[in-house]
Amino acid sequence: MVYRLRVESTFDAAHKLVGFVGKCSNLHGHTWKAEIFVVGSDLDKIGMLVDFGLLKEKLRETTDKLDHSFLNDFDKIGNPTSENIAKYIFQNLKDLPKNVILEKVRVWESSQSWSEYFEN
């Protein structure tokens, strides 16, 4: 059996897409939503995979660095597309409990548009 847990966080940040032809090449901002999904099978003695609060804290440690920023200033993100932001968050989540695996990160730039990053 495998369990999947999901938590989310939001942050406000501006960006512009370098090399894009259209409105998104101009400076603009979003209230981004980031979700992380973890999986695991080993429940603790009370039947819990991992505390949601701990997962939220780990996600916030990463999204707080992005909050109220200009995402183009983050060299490690590269061109700040939602795809690259999802990869950045995935690669910067630290110290997750050993009994869970980070399955994927989903980043929403609007209520209708999201991208995901996961590693095979």
N, C-alpha and C. Protein backbone atom coordinates (compact mmCIF):
# COMPACT_ATOMS: atom_id res chain seq x y z
N MET A 1 0.83 -1.19 0.00
CA MET A 1 0.00 0.00 0.00
C MET A 1 0.87 1.25 0.00
N VAL A 2 0.42 2.24 -0.72
CA VAL A 2 1.13 3.51 -0.77
C VAL A 2 0.13 4.62 -0.47
N TYR A 3 0.59 5.57 0.33
CA TYR A 3 -0.22 6.74 0.68
C TYR A 3 0.38 7.97 0.01
N ARG A 4 -0.49 8.88 -0.40
CA ARG A 4 -0.05 10.14 -1.00
C ARG A 4 -0.61 11.29 -0.16
N LEU A 5 0.23 12.23 0.20
CA LEU A 5 -0.19 13.42 0.93
C LEU A 5 0.16 14.65 0.10
N ARG A 6 -0.64 15.70 0.27
CA ARG A 6 -0.45 16.93 -0.47
C ARG A 6 -0.65 18.12 0.45
N VAL A 7 0.23 19.11 0.34
CA VAL A 7 0.06 20.39 1.03
C VAL A 7 0.34 21.50 0.03
N GLU A 8 -0.11 22.70 0.37
CA GLU A 8 0.08 23.84 -0.53
C GLU A 8 0.50 25.08 0.23
N SER A 9 1.06 26.00 -0.53
CA SER A 9 1.47 27.30 -0.01
C SER A 9 1.30 28.30 -1.15
N THR A 10 1.15 29.57 -0.81
CA THR A 10 1.08 30.60 -1.84
C THR A 10 2.17 31.63 -1.61
N PHE A 11 2.52 32.31 -2.69
CA PHE A 11 3.45 33.42 -2.59
C PHE A 11 3.16 34.38 -3.73
N ASP A 12 3.48 35.63 -3.52
CA ASP A 12 3.30 36.67 -4.53
C ASP A 12 4.66 37.03 -5.09
N ALA A 13 4.76 37.03 -6.42
CA ALA A 13 6.04 37.38 -7.03
C ALA A 13 5.81 37.85 -8.46
N ALA A 14 6.76 38.65 -8.92
CA ALA A 14 6.73 39.18 -10.28
C ALA A 14 7.76 38.46 -11.13
N HIS A 15 7.54 38.49 -12.43
CA HIS A 15 8.50 37.94 -13.38
C HIS A 15 8.19 38.48 -14.77
N LYS A 16 9.09 38.19 -15.67
CA LYS A 16 8.85 38.40 -17.09
C LYS A 16 9.54 37.26 -17.81
N LEU A 17 8.96 36.81 -18.89
CA LEU A 17 9.50 35.67 -19.61
C LEU A 17 10.42 36.14 -20.72
N VAL A 18 11.69 35.85 -20.55
CA VAL A 18 12.71 36.25 -21.50
C VAL A 18 12.58 35.39 -22.76
N GLY A 19 12.56 36.03 -23.91
CA GLY A 19 12.48 35.31 -25.17
C GLY A 19 11.07 34.97 -25.61
N PHE A 20 10.09 35.26 -24.78
CA PHE A 20 8.70 34.99 -25.12
C PHE A 20 8.14 36.14 -25.94
N VAL A 21 7.39 35.83 -26.97
CA VAL A 21 6.75 36.86 -27.78
C VAL A 21 5.30 36.96 -27.33
N GLY A 22 4.96 38.04 -26.67
CA GLY A 22 3.61 38.24 -26.17
C GLY A 22 3.62 39.00 -24.87
N LYS A 23 2.44 39.13 -24.27
CA LYS A 23 2.28 39.94 -23.06
C LYS A 23 3.18 39.50 -21.91
N CYS A 24 3.43 38.21 -21.81
CA CYS A 24 4.22 37.71 -20.67
C CYS A 24 5.69 38.09 -20.73
N SER A 25 6.12 38.71 -21.83
CA SER A 25 7.49 39.23 -21.87
C SER A 25 7.60 40.53 -21.08
N ASN A 26 6.46 41.12 -20.74
CA ASN A 26 6.43 42.33 -19.91
C ASN A 26 6.42 41.94 -18.43
N LEU A 27 6.92 42.83 -17.61
CA LEU A 27 6.89 42.63 -16.17
C LEU A 27 5.44 42.49 -15.69
N HIS A 28 5.17 41.43 -14.94
CA HIS A 28 3.84 41.20 -14.38
C HIS A 28 3.98 40.28 -13.17
N GLY A 29 2.92 40.13 -12.42
CA GLY A 29 2.98 39.31 -11.21
C GLY A 29 1.83 38.35 -11.10
N HIS A 30 2.00 37.42 -10.17
CA HIS A 30 0.98 36.41 -9.89
C HIS A 30 0.94 36.16 -8.38
N THR A 31 -0.17 35.67 -7.93
CA THR A 31 -0.22 34.97 -6.66
C THR A 31 -0.09 33.50 -7.03
N TRP A 32 1.11 32.99 -6.83
CA TRP A 32 1.44 31.62 -7.20
C TRP A 32 0.94 30.67 -6.11
N LYS A 33 0.54 29.49 -6.49
CA LYS A 33 0.24 28.43 -5.53
C LYS A 33 1.19 27.27 -5.83
N ALA A 34 1.85 26.81 -4.80
CA ALA A 34 2.75 25.66 -4.94
C ALA A 34 2.20 24.51 -4.12
N GLU A 35 2.17 23.34 -4.71
CA GLU A 35 1.73 22.13 -4.02
C GLU A 35 2.86 21.12 -4.07
N ILE A 36 3.03 20.41 -2.97
CA ILE A 36 3.95 19.28 -2.99
C ILE A 36 3.16 18.02 -2.69
N PHE A 37 3.59 16.94 -3.32
CA PHE A 37 2.99 15.63 -3.15
C PHE A 37 4.08 14.69 -2.67
N VAL A 38 3.84 14.02 -1.56
CA VAL A 38 4.77 13.01 -1.07
C VAL A 38 4.06 11.68 -1.01
N VAL A 39 4.83 10.60 -1.14
CA VAL A 39 4.29 9.25 -1.05
C VAL A 39 5.13 8.44 -0.08
N GLY A 40 4.49 7.44 0.48
CA GLY A 40 5.17 6.53 1.38
C GLY A 40 4.23 5.43 1.83
N SER A 41 4.78 4.42 2.45
CA SER A 41 3.96 3.30 2.89
C SER A 41 4.08 3.00 4.37
N ASP A 42 5.07 3.55 5.05
CA ASP A 42 5.32 3.23 6.45
C ASP A 42 4.65 4.24 7.37
N LEU A 43 3.51 3.84 7.94
CA LEU A 43 2.81 4.69 8.89
C LEU A 43 3.43 4.54 10.27
N ASP A 44 3.35 5.59 11.07
CA ASP A 44 3.86 5.51 12.44
C ASP A 44 2.84 4.77 13.32
N LYS A 45 3.12 4.69 14.61
CA LYS A 45 2.29 3.89 15.52
C LYS A 45 0.88 4.42 15.67
N ILE A 46 0.64 5.69 15.31
CA ILE A 46 -0.74 6.22 15.39
C ILE A 46 -1.42 6.24 14.03
N GLY A 47 -0.76 5.70 13.00
CA GLY A 47 -1.37 5.59 11.69
C GLY A 47 -1.15 6.80 10.79
N MET A 48 -0.06 7.51 11.00
CA MET A 48 0.22 8.72 10.22
C MET A 48 1.51 8.53 9.42
N LEU A 49 1.47 8.94 8.16
CA LEU A 49 2.68 8.89 7.33
C LEU A 49 3.65 9.98 7.75
N VAL A 50 3.15 11.22 7.81
CA VAL A 50 3.96 12.37 8.23
C VAL A 50 2.97 13.47 8.60
N ASP A 51 3.35 14.31 9.52
CA ASP A 51 2.51 15.41 9.95
C ASP A 51 2.38 16.45 8.83
N PHE A 52 1.12 16.81 8.50
CA PHE A 52 0.91 17.84 7.49
C PHE A 52 1.62 19.14 7.85
N GLY A 53 1.64 19.47 9.13
CA GLY A 53 2.30 20.70 9.58
C GLY A 53 3.77 20.73 9.22
N LEU A 54 4.45 19.61 9.33
CA LEU A 54 5.86 19.53 8.97
C LEU A 54 6.04 19.74 7.47
N LEU A 55 5.19 19.11 6.67
CA LEU A 55 5.28 19.30 5.22
C LEU A 55 5.03 20.76 4.84
N LYS A 56 4.04 21.39 5.47
CA LYS A 56 3.75 22.80 5.19
C LYS A 56 4.94 23.68 5.55
N GLU A 57 5.56 23.38 6.67
CA GLU A 57 6.73 24.16 7.11
C GLU A 57 7.87 24.04 6.10
N LYS A 58 8.13 22.84 5.62
CA LYS A 58 9.22 22.63 4.65
C LYS A 58 8.94 23.35 3.34
N LEU A 59 7.68 23.32 2.89
CA LEU A 59 7.32 24.03 1.67
C LEU A 59 7.45 25.53 1.87
N ARG A 60 6.97 26.03 3.01
CA ARG A 60 7.06 27.48 3.27
C ARG A 60 8.50 27.96 3.34
N GLU A 61 9.41 27.13 3.82
CA GLU A 61 10.83 27.53 3.86
C GLU A 61 11.33 27.90 2.47
N THR A 62 10.83 27.21 1.47
CA THR A 62 11.23 27.49 0.09
C THR A 62 10.43 28.64 -0.51
N THR A 63 9.10 28.61 -0.34
CA THR A 63 8.28 29.65 -0.97
C THR A 63 8.47 31.01 -0.31
N ASP A 64 8.81 31.04 0.97
CA ASP A 64 9.07 32.33 1.63
C ASP A 64 10.24 33.08 0.99
N LYS A 65 11.20 32.33 0.46
CA LYS A 65 12.34 32.97 -0.22
C LYS A 65 11.90 33.63 -1.53
N LEU A 66 10.82 33.13 -2.13
CA LEU A 66 10.32 33.66 -3.40
C LEU A 66 9.29 34.76 -3.22
N ASP A 67 8.70 34.83 -2.04
CA ASP A 67 7.59 35.75 -1.80
C ASP A 67 8.02 37.20 -1.94
N HIS A 68 7.20 37.97 -2.65
CA HIS A 68 7.44 39.40 -2.90
C HIS A 68 8.82 39.65 -3.51
N SER A 69 9.13 38.85 -4.52
CA SER A 69 10.42 38.99 -5.18
C SER A 69 10.21 39.14 -6.69
N PHE A 70 11.31 39.44 -7.36
CA PHE A 70 11.36 39.44 -8.82
C PHE A 70 12.05 38.14 -9.20
N LEU A 71 11.30 37.18 -9.70
CA LEU A 71 11.81 35.83 -9.91
C LEU A 71 12.96 35.76 -10.91
N ASN A 72 13.06 36.73 -11.80
CA ASN A 72 14.17 36.76 -12.74
C ASN A 72 15.51 36.95 -12.04
N ASP A 73 15.50 37.43 -10.80
CA ASP A 73 16.74 37.62 -10.04
C ASP A 73 17.31 36.31 -9.48
N PHE A 74 16.55 35.21 -9.55
CA PHE A 74 17.01 33.93 -9.02
C PHE A 74 17.69 33.15 -10.14
N ASP A 75 19.03 33.21 -10.15
CA ASP A 75 19.79 32.53 -11.21
C ASP A 75 19.46 31.04 -11.28
N LYS A 76 19.21 30.40 -10.13
CA LYS A 76 18.97 28.96 -10.11
C LYS A 76 17.61 28.59 -10.71
N ILE A 77 16.72 29.55 -10.86
CA ILE A 77 15.45 29.27 -11.52
C ILE A 77 15.62 29.30 -13.03
N GLY A 78 16.49 30.18 -13.52
CA GLY A 78 16.60 30.38 -14.96
C GLY A 78 15.46 31.27 -15.41
N ASN A 79 14.99 31.10 -16.64
CA ASN A 79 13.85 31.86 -17.12
C ASN A 79 12.64 31.43 -16.27
N PRO A 80 12.00 32.35 -15.55
CA PRO A 80 11.03 31.96 -14.52
C PRO A 80 9.66 31.56 -15.08
N THR A 81 9.66 30.51 -15.87
CA THR A 81 8.41 29.89 -16.31
C THR A 81 7.85 29.09 -15.14
N SER A 82 6.59 28.75 -15.21
CA SER A 82 6.03 27.94 -14.12
C SER A 82 6.74 26.58 -14.06
N GLU A 83 7.17 26.07 -15.21
CA GLU A 83 7.90 24.80 -15.23
C GLU A 83 9.21 24.91 -14.44
N ASN A 84 9.96 25.98 -14.69
CA ASN A 84 11.25 26.14 -14.00
C ASN A 84 11.06 26.45 -12.52
N ILE A 85 9.99 27.14 -12.17
CA ILE A 85 9.71 27.41 -10.76
C ILE A 85 9.37 26.11 -10.04
N ALA A 86 8.59 25.24 -10.67
CA ALA A 86 8.27 23.94 -10.07
C ALA A 86 9.54 23.12 -9.84
N LYS A 87 10.44 23.11 -10.81
CA LYS A 87 11.71 22.38 -10.66
C LYS A 87 12.55 22.97 -9.53
N TYR A 88 12.61 24.29 -9.46
CA TYR A 88 13.37 24.95 -8.39
C TYR A 88 12.84 24.55 -7.02
N ILE A 89 11.53 24.59 -6.85
CA ILE A 89 10.95 24.23 -5.55
C ILE A 89 11.26 22.77 -5.24
N PHE A 90 11.09 21.88 -6.21
CA PHE A 90 11.39 20.46 -6.01
C PHE A 90 12.82 20.27 -5.52
N GLN A 91 13.75 20.92 -6.20
CA GLN A 91 15.17 20.72 -5.88
C GLN A 91 15.62 21.42 -4.61
N ASN A 92 14.80 22.33 -4.08
CA ASN A 92 15.18 23.08 -2.89
C ASN A 92 14.42 22.67 -1.64
N LEU A 93 13.55 21.69 -1.73
CA LEU A 93 12.90 21.18 -0.52
C LEU A 93 13.93 20.38 0.25
N LYS A 94 14.11 20.71 1.50
CA LYS A 94 15.18 20.10 2.30
C LYS A 94 14.61 19.34 3.49
N ASP A 95 15.35 18.33 3.88
CA ASP A 95 15.11 17.62 5.14
C ASP A 95 13.70 17.06 5.29
N LEU A 96 13.18 16.45 4.22
CA LEU A 96 11.91 15.75 4.37
C LEU A 96 12.15 14.47 5.15
N PRO A 97 11.17 14.00 5.87
CA PRO A 97 11.35 12.75 6.63
C PRO A 97 11.77 11.61 5.71
N LYS A 98 12.57 10.70 6.26
CA LYS A 98 13.14 9.61 5.46
C LYS A 98 12.08 8.63 4.96
N ASN A 99 10.92 8.58 5.61
CA ASN A 99 9.91 7.60 5.22
C ASN A 99 8.99 8.08 4.09
N VAL A 100 9.24 9.29 3.56
CA VAL A 100 8.45 9.79 2.45
C VAL A 100 9.36 10.13 1.27
N ILE A 101 8.77 10.05 0.09
CA ILE A 101 9.46 10.42 -1.14
C ILE A 101 8.71 11.59 -1.75
N LEU A 102 9.44 12.63 -2.12
CA LEU A 102 8.83 13.75 -2.82
C LEU A 102 8.47 13.27 -4.22
N GLU A 103 7.18 13.17 -4.48
CA GLU A 103 6.70 12.66 -5.76
C GLU A 103 6.73 13.74 -6.85
N LYS A 104 6.17 14.91 -6.53
CA LYS A 104 6.12 15.97 -7.52
C LYS A 104 5.80 17.30 -6.85
N VAL A 105 6.05 18.35 -7.62
CA VAL A 105 5.68 19.72 -7.24
C VAL A 105 4.79 20.25 -8.35
N ARG A 106 3.68 20.86 -7.97
CA ARG A 106 2.77 21.50 -8.92
C ARG A 106 2.74 22.99 -8.60
N VAL A 107 2.92 23.82 -9.62
CA VAL A 107 2.90 25.27 -9.46
C VAL A 107 1.78 25.85 -10.33
N TRP A 108 0.91 26.60 -9.66
CA TRP A 108 -0.19 27.28 -10.33
C TRP A 108 0.17 28.75 -10.51
N GLU A 109 0.07 29.27 -11.74
CA GLU A 109 0.27 30.70 -11.93
C GLU A 109 -1.07 31.41 -12.05
N SER A 110 -2.13 30.65 -12.22
CA SER A 110 -3.49 31.19 -12.19
C SER A 110 -4.41 30.05 -11.77
N SER A 111 -5.68 30.35 -11.60
CA SER A 111 -6.62 29.31 -11.19
C SER A 111 -6.87 28.30 -12.31
N GLN A 112 -6.36 28.56 -13.50
CA GLN A 112 -6.62 27.69 -14.63
C GLN A 112 -5.36 27.09 -15.26
N SER A 113 -4.19 27.48 -14.76
CA SER A 113 -2.94 27.06 -15.42
C SER A 113 -1.91 26.60 -14.39
N TRP A 114 -1.41 25.38 -14.58
CA TRP A 114 -0.37 24.87 -13.69
C TRP A 114 0.61 24.01 -14.46
N SER A 115 1.76 23.80 -13.84
CA SER A 115 2.75 22.86 -14.37
C SER A 115 3.26 22.01 -13.22
N GLU A 116 3.81 20.87 -13.56
CA GLU A 116 4.35 19.96 -12.55
C GLU A 116 5.79 19.60 -12.90
N TYR A 117 6.54 19.30 -11.85
CA TYR A 117 7.88 18.78 -12.02
C TYR A 117 8.01 17.54 -11.15
N PHE A 118 8.53 16.45 -11.74
CA PHE A 118 8.84 15.25 -10.99
C PHE A 118 10.03 14.58 -11.65
N GLU A 119 10.69 13.72 -10.92
CA GLU A 119 11.84 13.00 -11.47
C GLU A 119 11.50 11.53 -11.57
N ASN A 120 11.88 10.92 -12.68
CA ASN A 120 11.61 9.48 -12.87
C ASN A 120 12.70 8.66 -12.25
